[in-house]
C-alpha cells in the first residue's frame, strides 16, 4: 500500500509590510495631526510546484492582543490584509487537502 503525502503550502512568496502614516484633520480651522502607524501584509500563496492556491484561508494573528484577521486568497492565490497595528504576528494558511503552513514572529512597525 502506498501512502500519499498532502502537498504543502508555500505562503507569502511576496511578503510586503508597509508602515503607513495617517494625517487626520479635525475641522477646517483647527487641525490635529495624529500619526497612526499601520501596516499591510500582502502575499501570494503557492503550492510546492509554484502554482497559485485560490480559496486558501489566511489567518493573521496579533500575538499581543490575540486578535485574528481572516482573509481568503483570490483566484491567483493573492491576499491583502490592510490596516494592521504595529505588533508581532503569526500567519497561518490552510486549505483542505494541503498541509497547513504557519509563519510565526513577524514584526510589523
C-alpha atoms as a PDB file:
ATOM      1  CA  UNK A   1       0.000   0.000   0.000  1.00  0.00           C
ATOM      2  CA  UNK A   2       1.308   3.445  -0.904  1.00  0.00           C
ATOM      3  CA  UNK A   3       0.619   6.423   1.298  1.00  0.00           C
ATOM      4  CA  UNK A   4       0.274   9.827  -0.250  1.00  0.00           C
ATOM      5  CA  UNK A   5       1.555  12.919   1.444  1.00  0.00           C
ATOM      6  CA  UNK A   6      -0.553  16.066   1.272  1.00  0.00           C
ATOM      7  CA  UNK A   7       1.099  18.881  -0.676  1.00  0.00           C
ATOM      8  CA  UNK A   8       2.378  21.757   1.430  1.00  0.00           C
ATOM      9  CA  UNK A   9       1.596  25.429   1.001  1.00  0.00           C
ATOM     10  CA  UNK A  10       4.443  27.821   0.396  1.00  0.00           C
ATOM     11  CA  UNK A  11       2.937  31.072   1.580  1.00  0.00           C
ATOM     12  CA  UNK A  12       3.994  34.662   1.428  1.00  0.00           C
ATOM     13  CA  UNK A  13       6.226  34.431  -1.605  1.00  0.00           C
ATOM     14  CA  UNK A  14       5.765  38.127  -1.924  1.00  0.00           C
ATOM     15  CA  UNK A  15       5.695  39.424   1.635  1.00  0.00           C
ATOM     16  CA  UNK A  16       5.260  43.129   1.997  1.00  0.00           C
ATOM     17  CA  UNK A  17       4.921  45.022   5.240  1.00  0.00           C
ATOM     18  CA  UNK A  18       4.418  48.719   4.703  1.00  0.00           C
ATOM     19  CA  UNK A  19       4.056  51.190   7.527  1.00  0.00           C
ATOM     20  CA  UNK A  20       1.601  53.968   6.776  1.00  0.00           C
ATOM     21  CA  UNK A  21       1.346  57.352   8.433  1.00  0.00           C
ATOM     22  CA  UNK A  22      -2.086  58.971   8.567  1.00  0.00           C
ATOM     23  CA  UNK A  23      -2.861  62.685   8.935  1.00  0.00           C
ATOM     24  CA  UNK A  24      -6.332  63.364  10.370  1.00  0.00           C
ATOM     25  CA  UNK A  25      -7.747  66.908  10.115  1.00  0.00           C
ATOM     26  CA  UNK A  26     -10.472  67.515  12.738  1.00  0.00           C
ATOM     27  CA  UNK A  27     -12.016  70.687  11.274  1.00  0.00           C
ATOM     28  CA  UNK A  28     -11.418  73.338   8.633  1.00  0.00           C
ATOM     29  CA  UNK A  29      -9.961  75.848  11.117  1.00  0.00           C
ATOM     30  CA  UNK A  30      -8.148  73.664  13.629  1.00  0.00           C
ATOM     31  CA  UNK A  31      -6.067  70.695  12.646  1.00  0.00           C
ATOM     32  CA  UNK A  32      -4.953  67.898  14.893  1.00  0.00           C
ATOM     33  CA  UNK A  33      -2.202  65.772  13.435  1.00  0.00           C
ATOM     34  CA  UNK A  34      -2.394  62.186  14.589  1.00  0.00           C
ATOM     35  CA  UNK A  35       0.248  59.800  13.459  1.00  0.00           C
ATOM     36  CA  UNK A  36      -1.011  56.264  13.481  1.00  0.00           C
ATOM     37  CA  UNK A  37       1.340  53.583  12.281  1.00  0.00           C
ATOM     38  CA  UNK A  38      -0.429  50.922  10.297  1.00  0.00           C
ATOM     39  CA  UNK A  39       0.904  48.108   8.178  1.00  0.00           C
ATOM     40  CA  UNK A  40      -0.279  45.840   5.391  1.00  0.00           C
ATOM     41  CA  UNK A  41       0.573  42.199   4.867  1.00  0.00           C
ATOM     42  CA  UNK A  42       0.245  41.155   1.255  1.00  0.00           C
ATOM     43  CA  UNK A  43       1.295  37.961  -0.436  1.00  0.00           C
ATOM     44  CA  UNK A  44       0.665  35.096  -2.814  1.00  0.00           C
ATOM     45  CA  UNK A  45       0.040  31.543  -1.645  1.00  0.00           C
ATOM     46  CA  UNK A  46       1.568  28.892  -3.893  1.00  0.00           C
ATOM     47  CA  UNK A  47       1.907  25.128  -3.721  1.00  0.00           C
ATOM     48  CA  UNK A  48       5.209  23.241  -3.861  1.00  0.00           C
ATOM     49  CA  UNK A  49       5.209  23.409  -7.674  1.00  0.00           C
ATOM     50  CA  UNK A  50       4.804  27.198  -7.652  1.00  0.00           C
ATOM     51  CA  UNK A  51       1.182  27.235  -8.798  1.00  0.00           C
ATOM     52  CA  UNK A  52      -1.145  29.721  -7.057  1.00  0.00           C
ATOM     53  CA  UNK A  53      -3.568  28.362  -4.470  1.00  0.00           C
ATOM     54  CA  UNK A  54      -7.015  30.008  -4.698  1.00  0.00           C
ATOM     55  CA  UNK A  55      -9.549  29.993  -1.856  1.00  0.00           C
ATOM     56  CA  UNK A  56      -6.977  29.282   0.885  1.00  0.00           C
ATOM     57  CA  UNK A  57      -7.717  30.826   4.273  1.00  0.00           C
ATOM     58  CA  UNK A  58      -5.062  33.180   5.610  1.00  0.00           C
ATOM     59  CA  UNK A  59      -5.293  33.868   9.354  1.00  0.00           C
ATOM     60  CA  UNK A  60      -3.244  36.843  10.559  1.00  0.00           C
ATOM     61  CA  UNK A  61      -2.966  36.624  14.347  1.00  0.00           C
ATOM     62  CA  UNK A  62      -1.779  39.528  16.509  1.00  0.00           C
ATOM     63  CA  UNK A  63       0.041  37.671  19.276  1.00  0.00           C
ATOM     64  CA  UNK A  64      -0.062  40.654  21.666  1.00  0.00           C
ATOM     65  CA  UNK A  65      -3.833  41.194  21.554  1.00  0.00           C
ATOM     66  CA  UNK A  66      -4.925  37.712  20.429  1.00  0.00           C
ATOM     67  CA  UNK A  67      -6.959  39.287  17.606  1.00  0.00           C
ATOM     68  CA  UNK A  68      -7.353  37.443  14.302  1.00  0.00           C
ATOM     69  CA  UNK A  69      -7.972  38.744  10.780  1.00  0.00           C
ATOM     70  CA  UNK A  70      -9.093  36.102   8.297  1.00  0.00           C
ATOM     71  CA  UNK A  71      -8.956  36.567   4.523  1.00  0.00           C
ATOM     72  CA  UNK A  72      -9.355  34.180   1.592  1.00  0.00           C
ATOM     73  CA  UNK A  73      -6.932  34.122  -1.329  1.00  0.00           C
ATOM     74  CA  UNK A  74      -8.254  35.114  -4.745  1.00  0.00           C
ATOM     75  CA  UNK A  75      -8.103  33.142  -7.980  1.00  0.00           C
ATOM     76  CA  UNK A  76      -4.392  33.965  -8.372  1.00  0.00           C
ATOM     77  CA  UNK A  77      -3.608  32.993  -4.752  1.00  0.00           C
ATOM     78  CA  UNK A  78      -3.165  36.647  -3.783  1.00  0.00           C
ATOM     79  CA  UNK A  79      -4.250  38.162  -0.469  1.00  0.00           C
ATOM     80  CA  UNK A  80      -4.068  41.550   1.281  1.00  0.00           C
ATOM     81  CA  UNK A  81      -4.575  42.271   4.977  1.00  0.00           C
ATOM     82  CA  UNK A  82      -4.511  46.076   5.429  1.00  0.00           C
ATOM     83  CA  UNK A  83      -4.666  48.391   8.426  1.00  0.00           C
ATOM     84  CA  UNK A  84      -2.717  46.272  10.914  1.00  0.00           C
ATOM     85  CA  UNK A  85      -1.397  47.816  14.121  1.00  0.00           C
ATOM     86  CA  UNK A  86       2.291  47.684  14.945  1.00  0.00           C
ATOM     87  CA  UNK A  87       2.781  44.345  16.680  1.00  0.00           C
ATOM     88  CA  UNK A  88       4.102  40.828  16.174  1.00  0.00           C
ATOM     89  CA  UNK A  89       2.004  38.496  14.039  1.00  0.00           C
ATOM     90  CA  UNK A  90       1.683  34.828  13.181  1.00  0.00           C
ATOM     91  CA  UNK A  91       0.315  33.905   9.774  1.00  0.00           C
ATOM     92  CA  UNK A  92      -1.384  30.551   9.207  1.00  0.00           C
ATOM     93  CA  UNK A  93      -2.504  29.370   5.765  1.00  0.00           C
ATOM     94  CA  UNK A  94      -4.910  26.438   5.380  1.00  0.00           C
ATOM     95  CA  UNK A  95      -6.832  24.695   2.635  1.00  0.00           C
ATOM     96  CA  UNK A  96      -8.456  21.273   2.682  1.00  0.00           C
ATOM     97  CA  UNK A  97      -6.138  18.701   1.102  1.00  0.00           C
ATOM     98  CA  UNK A  98      -2.966  20.676   1.894  1.00  0.00           C
ATOM     99  CA  UNK A  99      -0.679  20.618   4.907  1.00  0.00           C
ATOM    100  CA  UNK A 100      -1.175  23.900   6.834  1.00  0.00           C
ATOM    101  CA  UNK A 101       1.614  26.474   6.716  1.00  0.00           C
ATOM    102  CA  UNK A 102       2.478  28.713   9.675  1.00  0.00           C
ATOM    103  CA  UNK A 103       4.962  31.585   9.892  1.00  0.00           C
ATOM    104  CA  UNK A 104       5.366  32.920  13.453  1.00  0.00           C
ATOM    105  CA  UNK A 105       7.061  36.026  14.821  1.00  0.00           C
ATOM    106  CA  UNK A 106       6.513  38.540  12.005  1.00  0.00           C
ATOM    107  CA  UNK A 107       7.216  42.007  13.419  1.00  0.00           C
ATOM    108  CA  UNK A 108       5.343  44.966  11.897  1.00  0.00           C
ATOM    109  CA  UNK A 109       6.195  48.504  12.868  1.00  0.00           C
END
